[in-house]
Amino acid sequence: GSGVKVLDAFHVDNADMRYRYEKLKERMRSSKEPMKTIPNRLTKVMENDPSVFDLLGKCDASINETRLWHGTDVRGVQGISNNGWDVNYCVNNAYGLGFYFSDKATVSWRFAGNPNKVGKHWVTCMYLSRVVIGRTREQPFVVSSDPRDPVRNALYDNTRGYGGLLNPDAAYHTLRAADGSYFVVMDAMQCYPEYILFCEG
């Protein structure tokens, strides 16, 4: 966005997390029915400038693998980069229990919280993540964050299969909300935090 400066950027190289992510991709490819490709704003930007973005590598369109933004504060970076996303930290879930991403950097920036003072800079952290969207369901209304709420729990449970794993044949794997710029991913293994940007602005 305007006035935002990238102070530093790193590739996250976590072999265990990447292995789990690739195993989930394999499982998603076993779906009996093809998945409709869901274009998004960020994908279109990248496709329009292949000389820059092809360096990041290809995504698997057959399972709607794409790149999306996720904002966090400095404290959240170590946990996400070392262990991935943890559903136990998902407290306020306006559109359902899950991990919130966006194809608009400005949306994820707002969810990153207040910047943290690091040296002489006030830092906000942005992940450019690989995300397996799979099938989507439009989520037009707000859902309670109460863990006892039956609607909230059903939205999550409907994506589960054998052994509580994400079901490749589920009707949906990701909720799409607001103006379509909110992607609520239902399983931590659907996401890999590939790049981390430390920003000020």
N, C-alpha and C. Protein backbone atom coordinates (compact mmCIF):
# COMPACT_ATOMS: atom_id res chain seq x y z
N GLY A 1 0.81 -1.19 0.00
CA GLY A 1 0.00 0.00 0.00
C GLY A 1 0.85 1.25 0.00
N SER A 2 0.23 2.43 -0.13
CA SER A 2 0.93 3.70 -0.17
C SER A 2 1.65 3.96 1.13
N GLY A 3 2.91 4.33 1.04
CA GLY A 3 3.68 4.67 2.23
C GLY A 3 4.24 3.49 2.98
N VAL A 4 4.05 2.28 2.49
CA VAL A 4 4.58 1.08 3.16
C VAL A 4 5.96 0.76 2.60
N LYS A 5 6.90 0.55 3.51
CA LYS A 5 8.27 0.20 3.12
C LYS A 5 8.58 -1.21 3.60
N VAL A 6 9.10 -2.05 2.70
CA VAL A 6 9.55 -3.39 3.08
C VAL A 6 10.98 -3.26 3.63
N LEU A 7 11.13 -3.54 4.92
CA LEU A 7 12.43 -3.43 5.57
C LEU A 7 13.31 -4.65 5.30
N ASP A 8 12.67 -5.81 5.25
CA ASP A 8 13.40 -7.06 5.03
C ASP A 8 12.42 -8.12 4.57
N ALA A 9 12.90 -9.12 3.86
CA ALA A 9 12.07 -10.24 3.39
C ALA A 9 12.89 -11.51 3.42
N PHE A 10 12.23 -12.60 3.85
CA PHE A 10 12.92 -13.88 3.98
C PHE A 10 12.05 -15.01 3.42
N HIS A 11 12.72 -16.02 2.88
CA HIS A 11 12.05 -17.26 2.51
C HIS A 11 12.03 -18.17 3.72
N VAL A 12 10.87 -18.71 4.05
CA VAL A 12 10.74 -19.62 5.20
C VAL A 12 11.03 -21.04 4.73
N ASP A 13 12.08 -21.62 5.27
CA ASP A 13 12.49 -22.97 4.87
C ASP A 13 12.31 -23.89 6.07
N ASN A 14 11.15 -24.52 6.16
CA ASN A 14 10.84 -25.42 7.27
C ASN A 14 10.47 -26.78 6.66
N ALA A 15 11.42 -27.72 6.71
CA ALA A 15 11.26 -28.99 6.00
C ALA A 15 10.07 -29.80 6.52
N ASP A 16 9.87 -29.83 7.83
CA ASP A 16 8.76 -30.61 8.40
C ASP A 16 7.42 -30.04 7.98
N MET A 17 7.29 -28.73 8.07
CA MET A 17 6.03 -28.09 7.70
C MET A 17 5.77 -28.23 6.20
N ARG A 18 6.83 -28.10 5.40
CA ARG A 18 6.66 -28.23 3.96
C ARG A 18 6.27 -29.67 3.59
N TYR A 19 6.82 -30.65 4.29
CA TYR A 19 6.46 -32.05 4.05
C TYR A 19 4.97 -32.27 4.33
N ARG A 20 4.48 -31.75 5.45
CA ARG A 20 3.06 -31.91 5.79
C ARG A 20 2.17 -31.22 4.76
N TYR A 21 2.62 -30.06 4.31
CA TYR A 21 1.86 -29.32 3.30
C TYR A 21 1.79 -30.10 1.99
N GLU A 22 2.92 -30.68 1.56
CA GLU A 22 2.94 -31.44 0.31
C GLU A 22 2.11 -32.72 0.43
N LYS A 23 2.09 -33.34 1.61
CA LYS A 23 1.25 -34.53 1.83
C LYS A 23 -0.22 -34.17 1.73
N LEU A 24 -0.60 -33.01 2.25
CA LEU A 24 -2.00 -32.58 2.12
C LEU A 24 -2.34 -32.35 0.65
N LYS A 25 -1.43 -31.77 -0.11
CA LYS A 25 -1.68 -31.56 -1.54
C LYS A 25 -1.91 -32.89 -2.25
N GLU A 26 -1.12 -33.89 -1.91
CA GLU A 26 -1.32 -35.22 -2.49
C GLU A 26 -2.71 -35.75 -2.17
N ARG A 27 -3.13 -35.58 -0.92
CA ARG A 27 -4.44 -36.08 -0.51
C ARG A 27 -5.55 -35.34 -1.24
N MET A 28 -5.39 -34.03 -1.41
CA MET A 28 -6.40 -33.23 -2.09
C MET A 28 -6.53 -33.63 -3.56
N ARG A 29 -5.43 -34.04 -4.17
CA ARG A 29 -5.48 -34.47 -5.58
C ARG A 29 -6.25 -35.77 -5.76
N SER A 30 -6.52 -36.48 -4.66
CA SER A 30 -7.26 -37.74 -4.74
C SER A 30 -8.78 -37.53 -4.78
N SER A 31 -9.22 -36.28 -4.75
CA SER A 31 -10.66 -36.00 -4.79
C SER A 31 -11.31 -36.63 -6.00
N LYS A 32 -12.47 -37.20 -5.79
CA LYS A 32 -13.19 -37.88 -6.87
C LYS A 32 -13.72 -36.91 -7.93
N GLU A 33 -14.04 -35.70 -7.51
CA GLU A 33 -14.57 -34.70 -8.42
C GLU A 33 -13.56 -33.57 -8.63
N PRO A 34 -13.45 -33.05 -9.86
CA PRO A 34 -12.53 -31.93 -10.09
C PRO A 34 -12.96 -30.69 -9.31
N MET A 35 -12.01 -29.84 -9.02
CA MET A 35 -12.29 -28.62 -8.27
C MET A 35 -12.32 -27.43 -9.21
N LYS A 36 -13.36 -26.63 -9.11
CA LYS A 36 -13.49 -25.44 -9.95
C LYS A 36 -12.40 -24.43 -9.58
N THR A 37 -11.70 -23.94 -10.58
CA THR A 37 -10.66 -22.95 -10.35
C THR A 37 -11.27 -21.63 -9.90
N ILE A 38 -10.75 -21.09 -8.80
CA ILE A 38 -11.27 -19.85 -8.24
C ILE A 38 -10.19 -18.77 -8.41
N PRO A 39 -10.33 -17.89 -9.40
CA PRO A 39 -9.33 -16.82 -9.56
C PRO A 39 -9.44 -15.81 -8.42
N ASN A 40 -8.34 -15.14 -8.11
CA ASN A 40 -8.41 -14.08 -7.12
C ASN A 40 -7.54 -12.91 -7.56
N ARG A 41 -7.64 -11.80 -6.85
CA ARG A 41 -6.96 -10.56 -7.25
C ARG A 41 -5.44 -10.73 -7.32
N LEU A 42 -4.88 -11.38 -6.31
CA LEU A 42 -3.43 -11.53 -6.24
C LEU A 42 -2.91 -12.41 -7.37
N THR A 43 -3.63 -13.48 -7.67
CA THR A 43 -3.25 -14.36 -8.78
C THR A 43 -3.22 -13.59 -10.09
N LYS A 44 -4.22 -12.76 -10.31
CA LYS A 44 -4.30 -11.98 -11.56
C LYS A 44 -3.13 -11.00 -11.67
N VAL A 45 -2.75 -10.38 -10.55
CA VAL A 45 -1.61 -9.46 -10.55
C VAL A 45 -0.34 -10.21 -10.94
N MET A 46 -0.16 -11.40 -10.35
CA MET A 46 1.05 -12.19 -10.62
C MET A 46 1.09 -12.69 -12.06
N GLU A 47 -0.06 -13.09 -12.59
CA GLU A 47 -0.12 -13.59 -13.96
C GLU A 47 0.16 -12.48 -14.97
N ASN A 48 -0.16 -11.24 -14.61
CA ASN A 48 0.06 -10.11 -15.51
C ASN A 48 1.52 -9.67 -15.56
N ASP A 49 2.34 -10.16 -14.64
CA ASP A 49 3.75 -9.78 -14.61
C ASP A 49 4.62 -11.01 -14.38
N PRO A 50 4.61 -11.95 -15.33
CA PRO A 50 5.32 -13.21 -15.12
C PRO A 50 6.83 -13.05 -15.00
N SER A 51 7.40 -12.00 -15.58
CA SER A 51 8.85 -11.82 -15.51
C SER A 51 9.32 -11.62 -14.07
N VAL A 52 8.43 -11.14 -13.22
CA VAL A 52 8.75 -10.94 -11.80
C VAL A 52 8.30 -12.13 -10.97
N PHE A 53 7.04 -12.53 -11.12
CA PHE A 53 6.44 -13.47 -10.17
C PHE A 53 6.68 -14.93 -10.50
N ASP A 54 7.09 -15.27 -11.72
CA ASP A 54 7.39 -16.66 -12.04
C ASP A 54 8.56 -17.19 -11.22
N LEU A 55 9.37 -16.28 -10.70
CA LEU A 55 10.50 -16.68 -9.85
C LEU A 55 10.03 -17.37 -8.57
N LEU A 56 8.78 -17.12 -8.17
CA LEU A 56 8.24 -17.71 -6.95
C LEU A 56 7.85 -19.17 -7.14
N GLY A 57 7.76 -19.62 -8.38
CA GLY A 57 7.35 -21.00 -8.65
C GLY A 57 5.87 -21.10 -8.93
N LYS A 58 5.49 -22.21 -9.54
CA LYS A 58 4.10 -22.42 -9.94
C LYS A 58 3.26 -22.96 -8.78
N CYS A 59 1.96 -22.76 -8.89
CA CYS A 59 0.98 -23.35 -7.96
C CYS A 59 0.16 -24.38 -8.71
N ASP A 60 -0.45 -25.31 -7.98
CA ASP A 60 -1.25 -26.38 -8.58
C ASP A 60 -2.71 -25.93 -8.68
N ALA A 61 -3.10 -25.50 -9.87
CA ALA A 61 -4.46 -24.98 -10.07
C ALA A 61 -5.52 -26.06 -9.89
N SER A 62 -5.16 -27.33 -10.04
CA SER A 62 -6.15 -28.41 -9.96
C SER A 62 -6.75 -28.54 -8.57
N ILE A 63 -6.03 -28.06 -7.54
CA ILE A 63 -6.55 -28.09 -6.16
C ILE A 63 -6.70 -26.67 -5.62
N ASN A 64 -6.69 -25.69 -6.55
CA ASN A 64 -6.80 -24.28 -6.19
C ASN A 64 -5.69 -23.85 -5.22
N GLU A 65 -4.48 -24.31 -5.49
CA GLU A 65 -3.35 -23.78 -4.72
C GLU A 65 -3.04 -22.39 -5.24
N THR A 66 -2.83 -21.45 -4.34
CA THR A 66 -2.59 -20.07 -4.73
C THR A 66 -1.74 -19.40 -3.66
N ARG A 67 -1.46 -18.13 -3.85
CA ARG A 67 -0.75 -17.36 -2.83
C ARG A 67 -1.69 -16.30 -2.27
N LEU A 68 -1.66 -16.16 -0.94
CA LEU A 68 -2.50 -15.20 -0.25
C LEU A 68 -1.70 -14.54 0.87
N TRP A 69 -2.19 -13.38 1.30
CA TRP A 69 -1.55 -12.63 2.38
C TRP A 69 -2.09 -13.03 3.75
N HIS A 70 -1.23 -12.95 4.75
CA HIS A 70 -1.65 -13.11 6.16
C HIS A 70 -0.81 -12.15 6.99
N GLY A 71 -1.48 -11.27 7.72
CA GLY A 71 -0.78 -10.29 8.56
C GLY A 71 -0.69 -10.75 10.00
N THR A 72 0.41 -10.43 10.65
CA THR A 72 0.58 -10.76 12.07
C THR A 72 1.54 -9.76 12.69
N ASP A 73 1.69 -9.86 14.01
CA ASP A 73 2.67 -8.99 14.67
C ASP A 73 3.99 -9.75 14.83
N VAL A 74 4.99 -9.05 15.34
CA VAL A 74 6.32 -9.64 15.47
C VAL A 74 6.30 -10.88 16.34
N ARG A 75 5.46 -10.88 17.37
CA ARG A 75 5.40 -12.03 18.30
C ARG A 75 4.87 -13.28 17.60
N GLY A 76 4.01 -13.09 16.60
CA GLY A 76 3.43 -14.25 15.93
C GLY A 76 4.35 -14.91 14.92
N VAL A 77 5.41 -14.21 14.51
CA VAL A 77 6.26 -14.70 13.43
C VAL A 77 6.99 -15.99 13.79
N GLN A 78 7.57 -16.03 14.99
CA GLN A 78 8.35 -17.21 15.36
C GLN A 78 7.48 -18.46 15.41
N GLY A 79 6.30 -18.34 16.02
CA GLY A 79 5.41 -19.50 16.12
C GLY A 79 4.95 -20.00 14.77
N ILE A 80 4.55 -19.07 13.88
CA ILE A 80 4.07 -19.47 12.56
C ILE A 80 5.21 -20.05 11.72
N SER A 81 6.36 -19.41 11.73
CA SER A 81 7.48 -19.87 10.91
C SER A 81 8.04 -21.20 11.39
N ASN A 82 7.98 -21.44 12.71
CA ASN A 82 8.51 -22.70 13.25
C ASN A 82 7.51 -23.84 13.23
N ASN A 83 6.22 -23.52 13.45
CA ASN A 83 5.22 -24.58 13.65
C ASN A 83 3.99 -24.47 12.76
N GLY A 84 3.87 -23.39 12.02
CA GLY A 84 2.67 -23.20 11.21
C GLY A 84 1.56 -22.57 12.03
N TRP A 85 0.37 -22.63 11.50
CA TRP A 85 -0.78 -22.02 12.17
C TRP A 85 -1.37 -23.00 13.17
N ASP A 86 -1.92 -22.44 14.26
CA ASP A 86 -2.46 -23.25 15.36
C ASP A 86 -3.89 -22.79 15.63
N VAL A 87 -4.84 -23.72 15.50
CA VAL A 87 -6.25 -23.37 15.68
C VAL A 87 -6.55 -22.88 17.10
N ASN A 88 -5.69 -23.23 18.06
CA ASN A 88 -5.89 -22.79 19.45
C ASN A 88 -5.73 -21.28 19.60
N TYR A 89 -5.08 -20.64 18.62
CA TYR A 89 -4.93 -19.19 18.65
C TYR A 89 -6.04 -18.48 17.88
N CYS A 90 -6.95 -19.25 17.30
CA CYS A 90 -8.08 -18.67 16.56
C CYS A 90 -9.20 -18.35 17.55
N VAL A 91 -9.26 -17.12 17.99
CA VAL A 91 -10.21 -16.74 19.04
C VAL A 91 -11.39 -15.98 18.45
N ASN A 92 -11.12 -14.88 17.77
CA ASN A 92 -12.19 -14.06 17.20
C ASN A 92 -12.34 -14.42 15.72
N ASN A 93 -13.39 -15.20 15.42
CA ASN A 93 -13.59 -15.71 14.06
C ASN A 93 -14.91 -15.20 13.51
N ALA A 94 -14.86 -14.08 12.84
CA ALA A 94 -16.10 -13.43 12.40
C ALA A 94 -16.90 -14.28 11.43
N TYR A 95 -16.22 -15.06 10.59
CA TYR A 95 -16.93 -15.82 9.56
C TYR A 95 -16.76 -17.33 9.71
N GLY A 96 -16.26 -17.78 10.84
CA GLY A 96 -16.09 -19.21 11.06
C GLY A 96 -14.71 -19.53 11.60
N LEU A 97 -14.60 -20.70 12.20
CA LEU A 97 -13.34 -21.15 12.79
C LEU A 97 -12.36 -21.51 11.69
N GLY A 98 -11.19 -20.89 11.69
CA GLY A 98 -10.19 -21.18 10.68
C GLY A 98 -9.10 -20.13 10.66
N PHE A 99 -8.32 -20.15 9.60
CA PHE A 99 -7.16 -19.27 9.46
C PHE A 99 -7.47 -18.27 8.36
N TYR A 100 -7.30 -16.99 8.66
CA TYR A 100 -7.79 -15.93 7.78
C TYR A 100 -6.67 -15.40 6.87
N PHE A 101 -6.95 -15.43 5.57
CA PHE A 101 -6.04 -14.94 4.55
C PHE A 101 -6.80 -13.99 3.65
N SER A 102 -6.05 -13.27 2.81
CA SER A 102 -6.71 -12.38 1.85
C SER A 102 -5.88 -12.26 0.58
N ASP A 103 -6.58 -11.97 -0.54
CA ASP A 103 -5.88 -11.66 -1.78
C ASP A 103 -5.62 -10.16 -1.88
N LYS A 104 -5.97 -9.40 -0.83
CA LYS A 104 -5.71 -7.96 -0.76
C LYS A 104 -4.79 -7.69 0.43
N ALA A 105 -3.60 -7.18 0.15
CA ALA A 105 -2.63 -6.92 1.23
C ALA A 105 -3.19 -5.94 2.26
N THR A 106 -4.02 -5.00 1.82
CA THR A 106 -4.57 -4.01 2.75
C THR A 106 -5.47 -4.65 3.80
N VAL A 107 -6.18 -5.72 3.43
CA VAL A 107 -7.04 -6.42 4.38
C VAL A 107 -6.18 -7.13 5.43
N SER A 108 -5.17 -7.88 4.99
CA SER A 108 -4.31 -8.60 5.92
C SER A 108 -3.52 -7.64 6.80
N TRP A 109 -3.16 -6.50 6.25
CA TRP A 109 -2.44 -5.48 7.02
C TRP A 109 -3.27 -5.04 8.22
N ARG A 110 -4.58 -4.83 8.01
CA ARG A 110 -5.45 -4.40 9.10
C ARG A 110 -5.54 -5.46 10.20
N PHE A 111 -5.47 -6.73 9.82
CA PHE A 111 -5.58 -7.81 10.80
C PHE A 111 -4.26 -8.08 11.52
N ALA A 112 -3.19 -7.44 11.09
CA ALA A 112 -1.88 -7.68 11.71
C ALA A 112 -1.76 -7.05 13.09
N GLY A 113 -2.70 -6.18 13.44
CA GLY A 113 -2.64 -5.54 14.76
C GLY A 113 -1.69 -4.36 14.75
N ASN A 114 -1.44 -3.84 15.94
CA ASN A 114 -0.56 -2.69 16.05
C ASN A 114 0.89 -3.07 15.77
N PRO A 115 1.65 -2.19 15.13
CA PRO A 115 3.06 -2.50 14.86
C PRO A 115 3.86 -2.59 16.15
N ASN A 116 4.95 -3.33 16.08
CA ASN A 116 5.85 -3.50 17.23
C ASN A 116 7.13 -2.70 16.99
N LYS A 117 7.66 -2.11 18.06
CA LYS A 117 8.92 -1.36 17.96
C LYS A 117 10.08 -2.34 17.92
N VAL A 118 10.83 -2.31 16.83
CA VAL A 118 12.03 -3.14 16.68
C VAL A 118 13.16 -2.19 16.30
N GLY A 119 14.10 -1.95 17.21
CA GLY A 119 15.14 -0.96 16.96
C GLY A 119 14.51 0.40 16.76
N LYS A 120 14.76 1.02 15.62
CA LYS A 120 14.20 2.35 15.35
C LYS A 120 12.94 2.29 14.49
N HIS A 121 12.47 1.07 14.20
CA HIS A 121 11.34 0.90 13.30
C HIS A 121 10.10 0.39 14.03
N TRP A 122 8.92 0.77 13.49
CA TRP A 122 7.65 0.20 13.93
C TRP A 122 7.24 -0.83 12.86
N VAL A 123 7.27 -2.11 13.25
CA VAL A 123 7.23 -3.19 12.27
C VAL A 123 5.88 -3.93 12.27
N THR A 124 5.36 -4.14 11.06
CA THR A 124 4.21 -5.01 10.80
C THR A 124 4.69 -6.16 9.92
N CYS A 125 4.22 -7.37 10.18
CA CYS A 125 4.70 -8.55 9.47
C CYS A 125 3.62 -9.09 8.54
N MET A 126 4.04 -9.41 7.33
CA MET A 126 3.12 -9.93 6.32
C MET A 126 3.69 -11.21 5.72
N TYR A 127 2.92 -12.28 5.77
CA TYR A 127 3.29 -13.52 5.11
C TYR A 127 2.67 -13.56 3.71
N LEU A 128 3.49 -13.91 2.73
CA LEU A 128 2.98 -14.28 1.42
C LEU A 128 3.01 -15.80 1.40
N SER A 129 1.85 -16.40 1.57
CA SER A 129 1.75 -17.84 1.84
C SER A 129 1.22 -18.61 0.65
N ARG A 130 1.66 -19.85 0.56
CA ARG A 130 1.00 -20.81 -0.34
C ARG A 130 -0.22 -21.36 0.41
N VAL A 131 -1.35 -21.40 -0.27
CA VAL A 131 -2.59 -21.87 0.36
C VAL A 131 -3.33 -22.79 -0.62
N VAL A 132 -3.73 -23.96 -0.14
CA VAL A 132 -4.59 -24.85 -0.92
C VAL A 132 -6.03 -24.51 -0.56
N ILE A 133 -6.68 -23.79 -1.46
CA ILE A 133 -8.06 -23.35 -1.20
C ILE A 133 -9.04 -24.51 -1.36
N GLY A 134 -8.78 -25.39 -2.32
CA GLY A 134 -9.73 -26.46 -2.59
C GLY A 134 -11.05 -25.90 -3.09
N ARG A 135 -12.15 -26.43 -2.58
CA ARG A 135 -13.48 -25.90 -2.93
C ARG A 135 -13.85 -24.81 -1.93
N THR A 136 -14.62 -23.85 -2.42
CA THR A 136 -15.03 -22.75 -1.55
C THR A 136 -16.54 -22.75 -1.32
N ARG A 137 -16.91 -22.15 -0.23
CA ARG A 137 -18.32 -21.89 0.09
C ARG A 137 -18.44 -20.41 0.44
N GLU A 138 -19.39 -19.74 -0.17
CA GLU A 138 -19.63 -18.34 0.17
C GLU A 138 -20.22 -18.28 1.59
N GLN A 139 -19.68 -17.39 2.41
CA GLN A 139 -20.14 -17.24 3.78
C GLN A 139 -20.65 -15.81 3.94
N PRO A 140 -21.96 -15.59 3.70
CA PRO A 140 -22.47 -14.22 3.63
C PRO A 140 -22.78 -13.57 4.99
N PHE A 141 -22.78 -14.36 6.05
CA PHE A 141 -23.16 -13.79 7.35
C PHE A 141 -22.09 -14.07 8.41
N VAL A 142 -22.09 -13.23 9.43
CA VAL A 142 -21.14 -13.37 10.54
C VAL A 142 -21.54 -14.56 11.40
N VAL A 143 -20.53 -15.25 11.94
CA VAL A 143 -20.73 -16.43 12.77
C VAL A 143 -20.20 -16.14 14.17
N SER A 144 -20.85 -16.67 15.17
CA SER A 144 -20.41 -16.49 16.56
C SER A 144 -19.04 -17.12 16.77
N SER A 145 -18.22 -16.49 17.63
CA SER A 145 -16.92 -17.07 18.01
C SER A 145 -17.05 -18.02 19.19
N ASP A 146 -18.25 -18.15 19.72
CA ASP A 146 -18.48 -19.04 20.87
C ASP A 146 -18.23 -20.49 20.44
N PRO A 147 -17.30 -21.20 21.11
CA PRO A 147 -17.01 -22.59 20.72
C PRO A 147 -18.19 -23.54 20.87
N ARG A 148 -19.25 -23.11 21.54
CA ARG A 148 -20.45 -23.94 21.69
C ARG A 148 -21.47 -23.70 20.58
N ASP A 149 -21.19 -22.71 19.73
CA ASP A 149 -22.16 -22.34 18.69
C ASP A 149 -22.27 -23.45 17.64
N PRO A 150 -23.47 -23.99 17.40
CA PRO A 150 -23.62 -25.11 16.48
C PRO A 150 -23.31 -24.76 15.02
N VAL A 151 -23.61 -23.54 14.58
CA VAL A 151 -23.33 -23.14 13.20
C VAL A 151 -21.82 -23.08 12.98
N ARG A 152 -21.12 -22.45 13.90
CA ARG A 152 -19.65 -22.36 13.83
C ARG A 152 -19.03 -23.75 13.75
N ASN A 153 -19.48 -24.65 14.60
CA ASN A 153 -18.91 -25.99 14.65
C ASN A 153 -19.26 -26.81 13.42
N ALA A 154 -20.48 -26.63 12.90
CA ALA A 154 -20.88 -27.39 11.72
C ALA A 154 -20.07 -26.96 10.49
N LEU A 155 -19.80 -25.66 10.36
CA LEU A 155 -19.00 -25.18 9.23
C LEU A 155 -17.63 -25.85 9.20
N TYR A 156 -17.07 -26.05 10.38
CA TYR A 156 -15.75 -26.70 10.49
C TYR A 156 -15.88 -28.21 10.30
N ASP A 157 -16.83 -28.81 11.00
CA ASP A 157 -16.96 -30.28 10.99
C ASP A 157 -17.28 -30.83 9.60
N ASN A 158 -17.99 -30.04 8.78
CA ASN A 158 -18.37 -30.49 7.44
C ASN A 158 -17.17 -30.71 6.52
N THR A 159 -16.01 -30.20 6.91
CA THR A 159 -14.81 -30.36 6.08
C THR A 159 -13.98 -31.57 6.49
N ARG A 160 -14.39 -32.23 7.58
CA ARG A 160 -13.59 -33.33 8.12
C ARG A 160 -13.97 -34.67 7.51
N GLY A 161 -12.98 -35.55 7.40
CA GLY A 161 -13.20 -36.90 6.90
C GLY A 161 -12.68 -37.92 7.89
N TYR A 162 -12.20 -39.04 7.37
CA TYR A 162 -11.71 -40.14 8.19
C TYR A 162 -10.58 -39.67 9.11
N GLY A 163 -10.69 -40.03 10.39
CA GLY A 163 -9.66 -39.69 11.35
C GLY A 163 -9.58 -38.21 11.68
N GLY A 164 -10.61 -37.46 11.31
CA GLY A 164 -10.62 -36.02 11.58
C GLY A 164 -9.79 -35.21 10.59
N LEU A 165 -9.28 -35.87 9.53
CA LEU A 165 -8.47 -35.16 8.54
C LEU A 165 -9.36 -34.40 7.56
N LEU A 166 -8.77 -33.39 6.92
CA LEU A 166 -9.50 -32.66 5.89
C LEU A 166 -9.92 -33.64 4.79
N ASN A 167 -11.19 -33.60 4.41
CA ASN A 167 -11.75 -34.54 3.44
C ASN A 167 -11.63 -33.97 2.02
N PRO A 168 -10.85 -34.58 1.14
CA PRO A 168 -10.71 -34.07 -0.23
C PRO A 168 -12.05 -33.97 -0.96
N ASP A 169 -13.02 -34.81 -0.58
CA ASP A 169 -14.32 -34.82 -1.25
C ASP A 169 -15.37 -33.97 -0.55
N ALA A 170 -14.96 -33.19 0.45
CA ALA A 170 -15.91 -32.30 1.13
C ALA A 170 -16.47 -31.29 0.14
N ALA A 171 -17.67 -30.80 0.44
CA ALA A 171 -18.31 -29.81 -0.44
C ALA A 171 -17.51 -28.51 -0.48
N TYR A 172 -16.76 -28.22 0.59
CA TYR A 172 -15.91 -27.03 0.63
C TYR A 172 -14.76 -27.27 1.60
N HIS A 173 -13.68 -26.52 1.41
CA HIS A 173 -12.50 -26.57 2.28
C HIS A 173 -12.13 -25.19 2.80
N THR A 174 -12.72 -24.16 2.18
CA THR A 174 -12.41 -22.77 2.51
C THR A 174 -13.69 -21.96 2.42
N LEU A 175 -13.90 -21.07 3.39
CA LEU A 175 -15.02 -20.13 3.35
C LEU A 175 -14.54 -18.83 2.72
N ARG A 176 -15.37 -18.25 1.87
CA ARG A 176 -15.04 -16.98 1.25
C ARG A 176 -16.07 -15.95 1.70
N ALA A 177 -15.59 -14.85 2.28
CA ALA A 177 -16.50 -13.93 2.95
C ALA A 177 -16.21 -12.48 2.58
N ALA A 178 -17.01 -11.60 3.20
CA ALA A 178 -16.95 -10.16 2.96
C ALA A 178 -17.15 -9.91 1.47
N ASP A 179 -16.24 -9.17 0.81
CA ASP A 179 -16.39 -8.90 -0.62
C ASP A 179 -15.67 -9.95 -1.45
N GLY A 180 -15.43 -11.11 -0.84
CA GLY A 180 -14.68 -12.17 -1.50
C GLY A 180 -13.20 -12.12 -1.21
N SER A 181 -12.77 -11.12 -0.43
CA SER A 181 -11.35 -10.97 -0.15
C SER A 181 -10.91 -11.69 1.13
N TYR A 182 -11.88 -12.25 1.88
CA TYR A 182 -11.56 -13.04 3.07
C TYR A 182 -11.59 -14.52 2.68
N PHE A 183 -10.51 -15.21 2.95
CA PHE A 183 -10.44 -16.65 2.74
C PHE A 183 -10.23 -17.30 4.10
N VAL A 184 -11.23 -18.02 4.57
CA VAL A 184 -11.14 -18.69 5.87
C VAL A 184 -10.80 -20.15 5.61
N VAL A 185 -9.54 -20.49 5.83
CA VAL A 185 -9.01 -21.82 5.53
C VAL A 185 -9.25 -22.71 6.75
N MET A 186 -9.79 -23.90 6.52
CA MET A 186 -10.29 -24.72 7.62
C MET A 186 -9.28 -25.68 8.23
N ASP A 187 -8.09 -25.78 7.66
CA ASP A 187 -7.11 -26.74 8.17
C ASP A 187 -5.72 -26.12 8.09
N ALA A 188 -4.95 -26.25 9.17
CA ALA A 188 -3.62 -25.65 9.24
C ALA A 188 -2.69 -26.18 8.15
N MET A 189 -2.91 -27.43 7.73
CA MET A 189 -2.03 -28.02 6.72
C MET A 189 -2.30 -27.48 5.31
N GLN A 190 -3.37 -26.69 5.15
CA GLN A 190 -3.66 -26.08 3.85
C GLN A 190 -2.76 -24.89 3.55
N CYS A 191 -1.95 -24.49 4.52
CA CYS A 191 -1.18 -23.25 4.38
C CYS A 191 0.31 -23.50 4.64
N TYR A 192 1.12 -22.85 3.83
CA TYR A 192 2.58 -22.85 4.08
C TYR A 192 3.07 -21.41 4.03
N PRO A 193 3.67 -20.92 5.12
CA PRO A 193 4.10 -19.51 5.19
C PRO A 193 5.42 -19.29 4.43
N GLU A 194 5.33 -19.21 3.13
CA GLU A 194 6.54 -19.31 2.27
C GLU A 194 7.48 -18.11 2.38
N TYR A 195 6.92 -16.91 2.44
CA TYR A 195 7.75 -15.70 2.55
C TYR A 195 7.23 -14.82 3.67
N ILE A 196 8.16 -14.20 4.40
CA ILE A 196 7.79 -13.26 5.45
C ILE A 196 8.40 -11.90 5.12
N LEU A 197 7.56 -10.88 5.15
CA LEU A 197 7.99 -9.51 4.88
C LEU A 197 7.85 -8.69 6.15
N PHE A 198 8.92 -8.02 6.55
CA PHE A 198 8.90 -7.10 7.68
C PHE A 198 8.75 -5.69 7.12
N CYS A 199 7.64 -5.04 7.47
CA CYS A 199 7.26 -3.79 6.82
C CYS A 199 7.09 -2.66 7.83
N GLU A 200 7.16 -1.46 7.33
CA GLU A 200 6.88 -0.27 8.14
C GLU A 200 6.03 0.67 7.31
N GLY A 201 5.01 1.24 7.94
CA GLY A 201 4.17 2.17 7.19
C GLY A 201 2.85 2.43 7.87
